[in-house]
Every structure is written in structure tokens, then in C-alpha cells.
PDB file of N, CA and C in Angstrom:
ATOM      1  N   UNK A   1     100.867 122.495 109.079  1.00  0.00           N
ATOM      2  CA  UNK A   1     100.619 121.101 109.426  1.00  0.00           C
ATOM      3  C   UNK A   1     101.936 120.460 109.850  1.00  0.00           C
ATOM      4  N   UNK A   2     101.888 119.731 110.927  1.00  0.00           N
ATOM      5  CA  UNK A   2     103.068 119.040 111.433  1.00  0.00           C
ATOM      6  C   UNK A   2     103.339 117.796 110.598  1.00  0.00           C
ATOM      7  N   UNK A   3     104.609 117.574 110.288  1.00  0.00           N
ATOM      8  CA  UNK A   3     104.984 116.416 109.476  1.00  0.00           C
ATOM      9  C   UNK A   3     104.896 115.142 110.302  1.00  0.00           C
ATOM     10  N   UNK A   4     104.383 114.090 109.674  1.00  0.00           N
ATOM     11  CA  UNK A   4     104.236 112.801 110.341  1.00  0.00           C
ATOM     12  C   UNK A   4     105.601 112.180 110.607  1.00  0.00           C
ATOM     13  N   UNK A   5     105.715 111.444 111.708  1.00  0.00           N
ATOM     14  CA  UNK A   5     106.964 110.744 112.005  1.00  0.00           C
ATOM     15  C   UNK A   5     107.090 109.467 111.177  1.00  0.00           C
ATOM     16  N   UNK A   6     105.987 109.057 110.568  1.00  0.00           N
ATOM     17  CA  UNK A   6     105.977 107.830 109.777  1.00  0.00           C
ATOM     18  C   UNK A   6     106.288 108.159 108.320  1.00  0.00           C
ATOM     19  N   UNK A   7     107.228 107.432 107.743  1.00  0.00           N
ATOM     20  CA  UNK A   7     107.627 107.677 106.354  1.00  0.00           C
ATOM     21  C   UNK A   7     107.082 106.625 105.391  1.00  0.00           C
ATOM     22  N   UNK A   8     106.586 105.512 105.940  1.00  0.00           N
ATOM     23  CA  UNK A   8     105.993 104.471 105.106  1.00  0.00           C
ATOM     24  C   UNK A   8     104.952 103.714 105.920  1.00  0.00           C
ATOM     25  N   UNK A   9     104.104 102.983 105.224  1.00  0.00           N
ATOM     26  CA  UNK A   9     103.087 102.182 105.902  1.00  0.00           C
ATOM     27  C   UNK A   9     103.714 101.150 106.833  1.00  0.00           C
ATOM     28  N   UNK A  10     104.888 100.647 106.481  1.00  0.00           N
ATOM     29  CA  UNK A  10     105.555  99.626 107.294  1.00  0.00           C
ATOM     30  C   UNK A  10     105.876 100.118 108.702  1.00  0.00           C
ATOM     31  N   UNK A  11     106.059 101.426 108.868  1.00  0.00           N
ATOM     32  CA  UNK A  11     106.416 101.992 110.165  1.00  0.00           C
ATOM     33  C   UNK A  11     105.225 102.200 111.099  1.00  0.00           C
ATOM     34  N   UNK A  12     104.016 102.058 110.583  1.00  0.00           N
ATOM     35  CA  UNK A  12     102.817 102.287 111.393  1.00  0.00           C
ATOM     36  C   UNK A  12     102.642 101.191 112.441  1.00  0.00           C
ATOM     37  N   UNK A  13     102.068 101.534 113.592  1.00  0.00           N
ATOM     38  CA  UNK A  13     101.746 100.485 114.566  1.00  0.00           C
ATOM     39  C   UNK A  13     100.630  99.591 114.030  1.00  0.00           C
ATOM     40  N   UNK A  14     100.456  98.418 114.621  1.00  0.00           N
ATOM     41  CA  UNK A  14      99.435  97.481 114.139  1.00  0.00           C
ATOM     42  C   UNK A  14      98.026  98.039 114.258  1.00  0.00           C
ATOM     43  N   UNK A  15      97.767  98.824 115.303  1.00  0.00           N
ATOM     44  CA  UNK A  15      96.456  99.437 115.504  1.00  0.00           C
ATOM     45  C   UNK A  15      96.631 100.937 115.661  1.00  0.00           C
ATOM     46  N   UNK A  16      95.762 101.697 115.000  1.00  0.00           N
ATOM     47  CA  UNK A  16      95.846 103.151 115.008  1.00  0.00           C
ATOM     48  C   UNK A  16      94.702 103.732 115.827  1.00  0.00           C
ATOM     49  N   UNK A  17      94.995 104.759 116.610  1.00  0.00           N
ATOM     50  CA  UNK A  17      93.941 105.446 117.349  1.00  0.00           C
ATOM     51  C   UNK A  17      93.601 106.757 116.632  1.00  0.00           C
ATOM     52  N   UNK A  18      92.651 107.503 117.158  1.00  0.00           N
ATOM     53  CA  UNK A  18      92.196 108.732 116.506  1.00  0.00           C
ATOM     54  C   UNK A  18      93.318 109.755 116.391  1.00  0.00           C
ATOM     55  N   UNK A  19      94.153 109.839 117.401  1.00  0.00           N
ATOM     56  CA  UNK A  19      95.262 110.798 117.383  1.00  0.00           C
ATOM     57  C   UNK A  19      96.239 110.490 116.254  1.00  0.00           C
ATOM     58  N   UNK A  20      96.590 109.224 116.094  1.00  0.00           N
ATOM     59  CA  UNK A  20      97.512 108.820 115.035  1.00  0.00           C
ATOM     60  C   UNK A  20      96.892 109.040 113.663  1.00  0.00           C
ATOM     61  N   UNK A  21      95.636 108.669 113.499  1.00  0.00           N
ATOM     62  CA  UNK A  21      94.949 108.857 112.224  1.00  0.00           C
ATOM     63  C   UNK A  21      94.888 110.339 111.862  1.00  0.00           C
ATOM     64  N   UNK A  22      94.621 111.180 112.858  1.00  0.00           N
ATOM     65  CA  UNK A  22      94.580 112.623 112.619  1.00  0.00           C
ATOM     66  C   UNK A  22      95.917 113.137 112.108  1.00  0.00           C
ATOM     67  N   UNK A  23      96.999 112.689 112.737  1.00  0.00           N
ATOM     68  CA  UNK A  23      98.331 113.115 112.314  1.00  0.00           C
ATOM     69  C   UNK A  23      98.650 112.619 110.903  1.00  0.00           C
ATOM     70  N   UNK A  24      98.318 111.367 110.622  1.00  0.00           N
ATOM     71  CA  UNK A  24      98.609 110.784 109.314  1.00  0.00           C
ATOM     72  C   UNK A  24      97.867 111.498 108.188  1.00  0.00           C
ATOM     73  N   UNK A  25      96.618 111.870 108.448  1.00  0.00           N
ATOM     74  CA  UNK A  25      95.789 112.493 107.417  1.00  0.00           C
ATOM     75  C   UNK A  25      95.890 114.018 107.414  1.00  0.00           C
ATOM     76  N   UNK A  26      96.568 114.576 108.407  1.00  0.00           N
ATOM     77  CA  UNK A  26      96.715 116.023 108.486  1.00  0.00           C
ATOM     78  C   UNK A  26      95.413 116.734 108.795  1.00  0.00           C
ATOM     79  N   UNK A  27      94.614 116.124 109.669  1.00  0.00           N
ATOM     80  CA  UNK A  27      93.326 116.710 110.052  1.00  0.00           C
ATOM     81  C   UNK A  27      93.320 116.941 111.560  1.00  0.00           C
ATOM     82  N   UNK A  28      92.336 117.685 112.028  1.00  0.00           N
ATOM     83  CA  UNK A  28      92.242 117.961 113.462  1.00  0.00           C
ATOM     84  C   UNK A  28      91.851 116.695 114.217  1.00  0.00           C
ATOM     85  N   UNK A  29      92.098 116.725 115.522  1.00  0.00           N
ATOM     86  CA  UNK A  29      91.728 115.564 116.348  1.00  0.00           C
ATOM     87  C   UNK A  29      90.222 115.339 116.320  1.00  0.00           C
ATOM     88  N   UNK A  30      89.453 116.413 116.344  1.00  0.00           N
ATOM     89  CA  UNK A  30      87.991 116.247 116.322  1.00  0.00           C
ATOM     90  C   UNK A  30      87.541 115.646 114.991  1.00  0.00           C
ATOM     91  N   UNK A  31      88.187 116.023 113.897  1.00  0.00           N
ATOM     92  CA  UNK A  31      87.852 115.421 112.594  1.00  0.00           C
ATOM     93  C   UNK A  31      88.245 113.947 112.565  1.00  0.00           C
ATOM     94  N   UNK A  32      89.334 113.613 113.236  1.00  0.00           N
ATOM     95  CA  UNK A  32      89.745 112.208 113.335  1.00  0.00           C
ATOM     96  C   UNK A  32      88.716 111.374 114.072  1.00  0.00           C
ATOM     97  N   UNK A  33      88.195 111.909 115.170  1.00  0.00           N
ATOM     98  CA  UNK A  33      87.158 111.197 115.925  1.00  0.00           C
ATOM     99  C   UNK A  33      85.875 111.070 115.100  1.00  0.00           C
ATOM    100  N   UNK A  34      85.524 112.132 114.381  1.00  0.00           N
ATOM    101  CA  UNK A  34      84.330 112.078 113.526  1.00  0.00           C
ATOM    102  C   UNK A  34      84.492 111.012 112.450  1.00  0.00           C
ATOM    103  N   UNK A  35      85.670 110.968 111.845  1.00  0.00           N
ATOM    104  CA  UNK A  35      85.945 109.981 110.799  1.00  0.00           C
ATOM    105  C   UNK A  35      85.793 108.561 111.346  1.00  0.00           C
ATOM    106  N   UNK A  36      86.254 108.337 112.559  1.00  0.00           N
ATOM    107  CA  UNK A  36      86.179 107.004 113.150  1.00  0.00           C
ATOM    108  C   UNK A  36      84.741 106.581 113.455  1.00  0.00           C
ATOM    109  N   UNK A  37      83.815 107.501 113.419  1.00  0.00           N
ATOM    110  CA  UNK A  37      82.407 107.174 113.633  1.00  0.00           C
ATOM    111  C   UNK A  37      81.618 107.085 112.328  1.00  0.00           C
ATOM    112  N   UNK A  38      82.310 107.259 111.199  1.00  0.00           N
ATOM    113  CA  UNK A  38      81.650 107.119 109.894  1.00  0.00           C
ATOM    114  C   UNK A  38      81.331 105.645 109.640  1.00  0.00           C
ATOM    115  N   UNK A  39      80.224 105.419 108.957  1.00  0.00           N
ATOM    116  CA  UNK A  39      79.729 104.057 108.717  1.00  0.00           C
ATOM    117  C   UNK A  39      80.729 103.172 107.970  1.00  0.00           C
ATOM    118  N   UNK A  40      81.434 103.715 106.974  1.00  0.00           N
ATOM    119  CA  UNK A  40      82.311 102.881 106.148  1.00  0.00           C
ATOM    120  C   UNK A  40      83.774 102.869 106.609  1.00  0.00           C
ATOM    121  N   UNK A  41      84.058 103.478 107.758  1.00  0.00           N
ATOM    122  CA  UNK A  41      85.433 103.493 108.245  1.00  0.00           C
ATOM    123  C   UNK A  41      85.704 102.230 109.053  1.00  0.00           C
ATOM    124  N   UNK A  42      86.842 101.561 108.826  1.00  0.00           N
ATOM    125  CA  UNK A  42      87.116 100.232 109.419  1.00  0.00           C
ATOM    126  C   UNK A  42      87.561 100.260 110.877  1.00  0.00           C
ATOM    127  N   UNK A  43      86.645 100.520 111.776  1.00  0.00           N
ATOM    128  CA  UNK A  43      86.961 100.652 113.196  1.00  0.00           C
ATOM    129  C   UNK A  43      86.623  99.381 113.968  1.00  0.00           C
ATOM    130  N   UNK A  44      87.486  99.055 114.930  1.00  0.00           N
ATOM    131  CA  UNK A  44      87.198  97.992 115.900  1.00  0.00           C
ATOM    132  C   UNK A  44      86.931  98.667 117.226  1.00  0.00           C
ATOM    133  N   UNK A  45      85.901  98.239 117.909  1.00  0.00           N
ATOM    134  CA  UNK A  45      85.609  98.762 119.239  1.00  0.00           C
ATOM    135  C   UNK A  45      86.069  97.728 120.252  1.00  0.00           C
ATOM    136  N   UNK A  46      86.996  98.136 121.103  1.00  0.00           N
ATOM    137  CA  UNK A  46      87.514  97.267 122.148  1.00  0.00           C
ATOM    138  C   UNK A  46      87.171  97.936 123.475  1.00  0.00           C
ATOM    139  N   UNK A  47      86.134  97.448 124.113  1.00  0.00           N
ATOM    140  CA  UNK A  47      85.613  98.129 125.302  1.00  0.00           C
ATOM    141  C   UNK A  47      85.056  99.472 124.856  1.00  0.00           C
ATOM    142  N   UNK A  48      85.573 100.540 125.410  1.00  0.00           N
ATOM    143  CA  UNK A  48      85.136 101.869 125.000  1.00  0.00           C
ATOM    144  C   UNK A  48      86.133 102.518 124.044  1.00  0.00           C
ATOM    145  N   UNK A  49      87.168 101.784 123.697  1.00  0.00           N
ATOM    146  CA  UNK A  49      88.238 102.313 122.849  1.00  0.00           C
ATOM    147  C   UNK A  49      87.987 101.965 121.382  1.00  0.00           C
ATOM    148  N   UNK A  50      88.256 102.937 120.488  1.00  0.00           N
ATOM    149  CA  UNK A  50      88.150 102.711 119.053  1.00  0.00           C
ATOM    150  C   UNK A  50      89.545 102.661 118.459  1.00  0.00           C
ATOM    151  N   UNK A  51      89.828 101.614 117.692  1.00  0.00           N
ATOM    152  CA  UNK A  51      91.111 101.477 117.012  1.00  0.00           C
ATOM    153  C   UNK A  51      90.860 100.998 115.584  1.00  0.00           C
ATOM    154  N   UNK A  52      91.852 101.230 114.743  1.00  0.00           N
ATOM    155  CA  UNK A  52      91.758 100.807 113.345  1.00  0.00           C
ATOM    156  C   UNK A  52      92.969  99.927 113.032  1.00  0.00           C
ATOM    157  N   UNK A  53      92.749  98.698 112.559  1.00  0.00           N
ATOM    158  CA  UNK A  53      93.883  97.862 112.163  1.00  0.00           C
ATOM    159  C   UNK A  53      94.636  98.526 111.004  1.00  0.00           C
ATOM    160  N   UNK A  54      95.961  98.487 111.075  1.00  0.00           N
ATOM    161  CA  UNK A  54      96.811  99.133 110.077  1.00  0.00           C
ATOM    162  C   UNK A  54      96.430  98.723 108.654  1.00  0.00           C
ATOM    163  N   UNK A  55      96.282  97.438 108.405  1.00  0.00           N
ATOM    164  CA  UNK A  55      95.996  96.956 107.051  1.00  0.00           C
ATOM    165  C   UNK A  55      94.646  97.474 106.541  1.00  0.00           C
ATOM    166  N   UNK A  56      93.653  97.536 107.430  1.00  0.00           N
ATOM    167  CA  UNK A  56      92.333  98.054 107.037  1.00  0.00           C
ATOM    168  C   UNK A  56      92.416  99.554 106.734  1.00  0.00           C
ATOM    169  N   UNK A  57      93.231 100.286 107.489  1.00  0.00           N
ATOM    170  CA  UNK A  57      93.417 101.713 107.242  1.00  0.00           C
ATOM    171  C   UNK A  57      94.074 101.938 105.885  1.00  0.00           C
ATOM    172  N   UNK A  58      95.108 101.174 105.587  1.00  0.00           N
ATOM    173  CA  UNK A  58      95.800 101.305 104.298  1.00  0.00           C
ATOM    174  C   UNK A  58      94.824 101.038 103.155  1.00  0.00           C
ATOM    175  N   UNK A  59      94.036  99.986 103.279  1.00  0.00           N
ATOM    176  CA  UNK A  59      93.039  99.654 102.254  1.00  0.00           C
ATOM    177  C   UNK A  59      92.020 100.791 102.103  1.00  0.00           C
ATOM    178  N   UNK A  60      91.555 101.347 103.222  1.00  0.00           N
ATOM    179  CA  UNK A  60      90.594 102.453 103.180  1.00  0.00           C
ATOM    180  C   UNK A  60      91.189 103.663 102.470  1.00  0.00           C
ATOM    181  N   UNK A  61      92.443 103.990 102.763  1.00  0.00           N
ATOM    182  CA  UNK A  61      93.110 105.124 102.115  1.00  0.00           C
ATOM    183  C   UNK A  61      93.183 104.885 100.609  1.00  0.00           C
ATOM    184  N   UNK A  62      93.588 103.691 100.208  1.00  0.00           N
ATOM    185  CA  UNK A  62      93.710 103.387  98.783  1.00  0.00           C
ATOM    186  C   UNK A  62      92.362 103.465  98.080  1.00  0.00           C
ATOM    187  N   UNK A  63      91.311 102.960  98.713  1.00  0.00           N
ATOM    188  CA  UNK A  63      89.988 102.982  98.113  1.00  0.00           C
ATOM    189  C   UNK A  63      89.417 104.390  98.020  1.00  0.00           C
ATOM    190  N   UNK A  64      89.764 105.242  98.974  1.00  0.00           N
ATOM    191  CA  UNK A  64      89.190 106.575  99.037  1.00  0.00           C
ATOM    192  C   UNK A  64      90.053 107.669  98.433  1.00  0.00           C
ATOM    193  N   UNK A  65      91.236 107.301  97.979  1.00  0.00           N
ATOM    194  CA  UNK A  65      92.115 108.303  97.368  1.00  0.00           C
ATOM    195  C   UNK A  65      92.294 108.056  95.878  1.00  0.00           C
ATOM    196  N   UNK A  66      91.828 106.920  95.408  1.00  0.00           N
ATOM    197  CA  UNK A  66      91.982 106.596  93.995  1.00  0.00           C
ATOM    198  C   UNK A  66      93.384 106.149  93.637  1.00  0.00           C
ATOM    199  N   UNK A  67      94.207 105.879  94.650  1.00  0.00           N
ATOM    200  CA  UNK A  67      95.577 105.464  94.394  1.00  0.00           C
ATOM    201  C   UNK A  67      95.929 104.195  95.121  1.00  0.00           C
ATOM    202  N   UNK A  68      97.030 103.601  94.737  1.00  0.00           N
ATOM    203  CA  UNK A  68      97.466 102.353  95.363  1.00  0.00           C
ATOM    204  C   UNK A  68      98.761 102.526  96.116  1.00  0.00           C
ATOM    205  N   UNK A  69      99.186 103.759  96.394  1.00  0.00           N
ATOM    206  CA  UNK A  69     100.424 103.991  97.158  1.00  0.00           C
ATOM    207  C   UNK A  69     100.101 104.684  98.409  1.00  0.00           C
TER     208      UNK A  69
END
């Protein structure tokens, strides 16, 4: 698995795309796209593009990992 260039949540861009989410979670690009189509995943649809606000992603990670870091 390739190491993420981001070392903290503060370094993340304001909106995350499937490619960035895949890298952050260490999953394949296809799994990233599948995740973005899950009912409880915090996605915004802008035209045909799917993005995730950084703060909503952090909250989702904390809720789904059982941790607050």
C-alpha cells in the first residue's frame, strides 16, 4: 500500500474525491467509488461529480472506526 501524502486531517483539501478517499483509506479506486455510493456516506453531488466535504469525511471516519483521532 502506498503511503498517503497527508499526515493530518488539517492537510486534507476541503473536498475529497474518490481517488483521494481511496488513497486515505488504503483501498482500491473501485472500492472508493463503491463507498461513495453507499447510503450513509456523506457525498455531495455537484453536476455529475461526487465529492465529500473534509469535515463530513472526518466525522464519518470517527463514527465508523470507533475512535476520535
